[in-house]
Amino acid sequence: MTSKWRNLHSGFWSFYWDVALERAESIRARVREMRIRSHQTTLREVTVSIGVAMYPESGGTLEELLRAADRALYAAKHRGRNQIVLADTAVAV
């Protein structure tokens, strides 16, 4: 975990952000390691971009949370894919 991450989300909620970030990173890394075969051909590397949002910091309703996660997801794709972006922080991890 980087110090810039910890500085952004210190306090009570930092544990939950850390857990969410660790889970997202685990998913990102596992997808990248996957080797998919189709019609006896191994496909090129598969990657995933993930937007992470957390209640109540990223939104107070389900709709607000989904919008925040969606914005973070598109920010990750815009930054080059295969990334994790935290909602409402503008920090790629």
C-alpha atoms as a PDB file:
ATOM      1  CA  MET A   1       0.000   0.000   0.000  1.00  0.00           C
ATOM      2  CA  THR A   2       1.473   3.351  -0.961  1.00  0.00           C
ATOM      3  CA  SER A   3       1.771   6.258   1.441  1.00  0.00           C
ATOM      4  CA  LYS A   4      -0.303   8.452  -0.917  1.00  0.00           C
ATOM      5  CA  TRP A   5      -3.127   5.908  -0.560  1.00  0.00           C
ATOM      6  CA  ARG A   6      -2.960   5.911   3.228  1.00  0.00           C
ATOM      7  CA  ASN A   7      -2.865   9.721   3.366  1.00  0.00           C
ATOM      8  CA  LEU A   8      -6.024   9.981   1.278  1.00  0.00           C
ATOM      9  CA  HIS A   9      -8.108   7.676   3.410  1.00  0.00           C
ATOM     10  CA  SER A  10      -6.891   7.844   6.982  1.00  0.00           C
ATOM     11  CA  GLY A  11      -9.156   7.251   9.937  1.00  0.00           C
ATOM     12  CA  PHE A  12     -12.018   4.887  10.588  1.00  0.00           C
ATOM     13  CA  TRP A  13     -12.811   4.016   6.960  1.00  0.00           C
ATOM     14  CA  SER A  14      -9.220   3.370   5.882  1.00  0.00           C
ATOM     15  CA  PHE A  15      -9.428  -0.293   6.887  1.00  0.00           C
ATOM     16  CA  TYR A  16     -12.419  -0.823   4.576  1.00  0.00           C
ATOM     17  CA  TRP A  17     -10.773   1.061   1.709  1.00  0.00           C
ATOM     18  CA  ASP A  18      -7.666  -1.087   2.214  1.00  0.00           C
ATOM     19  CA  VAL A  19      -9.732  -4.284   2.073  1.00  0.00           C
ATOM     20  CA  ALA A  20     -11.566  -3.119  -1.058  1.00  0.00           C
ATOM     21  CA  LEU A  21      -8.306  -2.106  -2.733  1.00  0.00           C
ATOM     22  CA  GLU A  22      -6.620  -5.411  -1.859  1.00  0.00           C
ATOM     23  CA  ARG A  23      -9.580  -7.370  -3.252  1.00  0.00           C
ATOM     24  CA  ALA A  24      -9.609  -5.297  -6.459  1.00  0.00           C
ATOM     25  CA  GLU A  25      -5.853  -5.784  -6.876  1.00  0.00           C
ATOM     26  CA  SER A  26      -6.229  -9.532  -6.367  1.00  0.00           C
ATOM     27  CA  ILE A  27      -8.894  -9.684  -9.078  1.00  0.00           C
ATOM     28  CA  ARG A  28      -6.826  -7.508 -11.441  1.00  0.00           C
ATOM     29  CA  ALA A  29      -3.719  -9.655 -10.999  1.00  0.00           C
ATOM     30  CA  ARG A  30      -5.567 -12.975 -11.368  1.00  0.00           C
ATOM     31  CA  VAL A  31      -7.304 -11.896 -14.557  1.00  0.00           C
ATOM     32  CA  ARG A  32      -3.990 -10.787 -16.048  1.00  0.00           C
ATOM     33  CA  GLU A  33      -2.470 -14.205 -15.260  1.00  0.00           C
ATOM     34  CA  MET A  34      -5.294 -16.061 -17.012  1.00  0.00           C
ATOM     35  CA  ARG A  35      -4.510 -17.771 -20.285  1.00  0.00           C
ATOM     36  CA  ILE A  36      -7.578 -18.305 -22.407  1.00  0.00           C
ATOM     37  CA  ARG A  37      -7.669 -20.724 -25.304  1.00  0.00           C
ATOM     38  CA  SER A  38     -10.219 -20.548 -28.093  1.00  0.00           C
ATOM     39  CA  HIS A  39     -10.211 -22.802 -31.139  1.00  0.00           C
ATOM     40  CA  GLN A  40      -6.775 -24.131 -30.190  1.00  0.00           C
ATOM     41  CA  THR A  41      -5.294 -20.637 -30.065  1.00  0.00           C
ATOM     42  CA  THR A  42      -4.171 -18.874 -26.908  1.00  0.00           C
ATOM     43  CA  LEU A  43      -5.686 -15.429 -26.843  1.00  0.00           C
ATOM     44  CA  ARG A  44      -3.565 -12.420 -26.071  1.00  0.00           C
ATOM     45  CA  GLU A  45      -3.341 -11.149 -22.518  1.00  0.00           C
ATOM     46  CA  VAL A  46      -6.665 -10.344 -20.855  1.00  0.00           C
ATOM     47  CA  THR A  47      -6.773  -7.406 -18.444  1.00  0.00           C
ATOM     48  CA  VAL A  48      -9.371  -5.715 -16.273  1.00  0.00           C
ATOM     49  CA  SER A  49      -9.904  -2.158 -15.090  1.00  0.00           C
ATOM     50  CA  ILE A  50     -11.720  -1.632 -11.795  1.00  0.00           C
ATOM     51  CA  GLY A  51     -13.433   1.377 -10.263  1.00  0.00           C
ATOM     52  CA  VAL A  52     -13.744   1.205  -6.463  1.00  0.00           C
ATOM     53  CA  ALA A  53     -16.452   3.137  -4.595  1.00  0.00           C
ATOM     54  CA  MET A  54     -17.381   2.919  -0.914  1.00  0.00           C
ATOM     55  CA  TYR A  55     -20.443   3.899   1.092  1.00  0.00           C
ATOM     56  CA  PRO A  56     -20.820   6.587   2.405  1.00  0.00           C
ATOM     57  CA  GLU A  57     -17.637   8.320   1.191  1.00  0.00           C
ATOM     58  CA  SER A  58     -18.371   7.846  -2.519  1.00  0.00           C
ATOM     59  CA  GLY A  59     -22.146   8.222  -2.346  1.00  0.00           C
ATOM     60  CA  GLY A  60     -25.075   8.005   0.012  1.00  0.00           C
ATOM     61  CA  THR A  61     -27.371   5.993  -2.253  1.00  0.00           C
ATOM     62  CA  LEU A  62     -26.942   2.953  -4.461  1.00  0.00           C
ATOM     63  CA  GLU A  63     -27.320   5.135  -7.542  1.00  0.00           C
ATOM     64  CA  GLU A  64     -24.602   7.538  -6.337  1.00  0.00           C
ATOM     65  CA  LEU A  65     -22.272   4.640  -5.528  1.00  0.00           C
ATOM     66  CA  LEU A  66     -22.772   3.060  -8.934  1.00  0.00           C
ATOM     67  CA  ARG A  67     -22.144   6.393 -10.662  1.00  0.00           C
ATOM     68  CA  ALA A  68     -18.967   6.952  -8.620  1.00  0.00           C
ATOM     69  CA  ALA A  69     -17.685   3.444  -9.407  1.00  0.00           C
ATOM     70  CA  ASP A  70     -18.552   3.906 -13.088  1.00  0.00           C
ATOM     71  CA  ARG A  71     -16.651   7.217 -13.262  1.00  0.00           C
ATOM     72  CA  ALA A  72     -13.652   5.552 -11.601  1.00  0.00           C
ATOM     73  CA  LEU A  73     -13.837   2.620 -14.033  1.00  0.00           C
ATOM     74  CA  TYR A  74     -13.784   4.918 -17.062  1.00  0.00           C
ATOM     75  CA  ALA A  75     -10.928   6.898 -15.532  1.00  0.00           C
ATOM     76  CA  ALA A  76      -8.976   3.633 -15.218  1.00  0.00           C
ATOM     77  CA  LYS A  77      -9.626   2.766 -18.858  1.00  0.00           C
ATOM     78  CA  HIS A  78      -8.660   6.272 -19.938  1.00  0.00           C
ATOM     79  CA  ARG A  79      -5.350   5.998 -18.062  1.00  0.00           C
ATOM     80  CA  GLY A  80      -4.334   2.924 -20.012  1.00  0.00           C
ATOM     81  CA  ARG A  81      -6.440   0.030 -18.755  1.00  0.00           C
ATOM     82  CA  ASN A  82      -5.414  -2.757 -16.369  1.00  0.00           C
ATOM     83  CA  GLN A  83      -5.665  -0.328 -13.460  1.00  0.00           C
ATOM     84  CA  ILE A  84      -7.599   0.333 -10.296  1.00  0.00           C
ATOM     85  CA  VAL A  85      -8.988   3.813  -9.675  1.00  0.00           C
ATOM     86  CA  LEU A  86     -10.598   4.909  -6.449  1.00  0.00           C
ATOM     87  CA  ALA A  87     -13.843   6.845  -6.788  1.00  0.00           C
ATOM     88  CA  ASP A  88     -13.684  10.555  -6.066  1.00  0.00           C
ATOM     89  CA  THR A  89      -9.919  10.609  -5.506  1.00  0.00           C
ATOM     90  CA  ALA A  90      -8.305  10.930  -8.950  1.00  0.00           C
ATOM     91  CA  VAL A  91      -5.596   8.555  -7.735  1.00  0.00           C
ATOM     92  CA  ALA A  92      -4.741   5.507  -9.812  1.00  0.00           C
ATOM     93  CA  VAL A  93      -3.385   2.612  -7.791  1.00  0.00           C
END
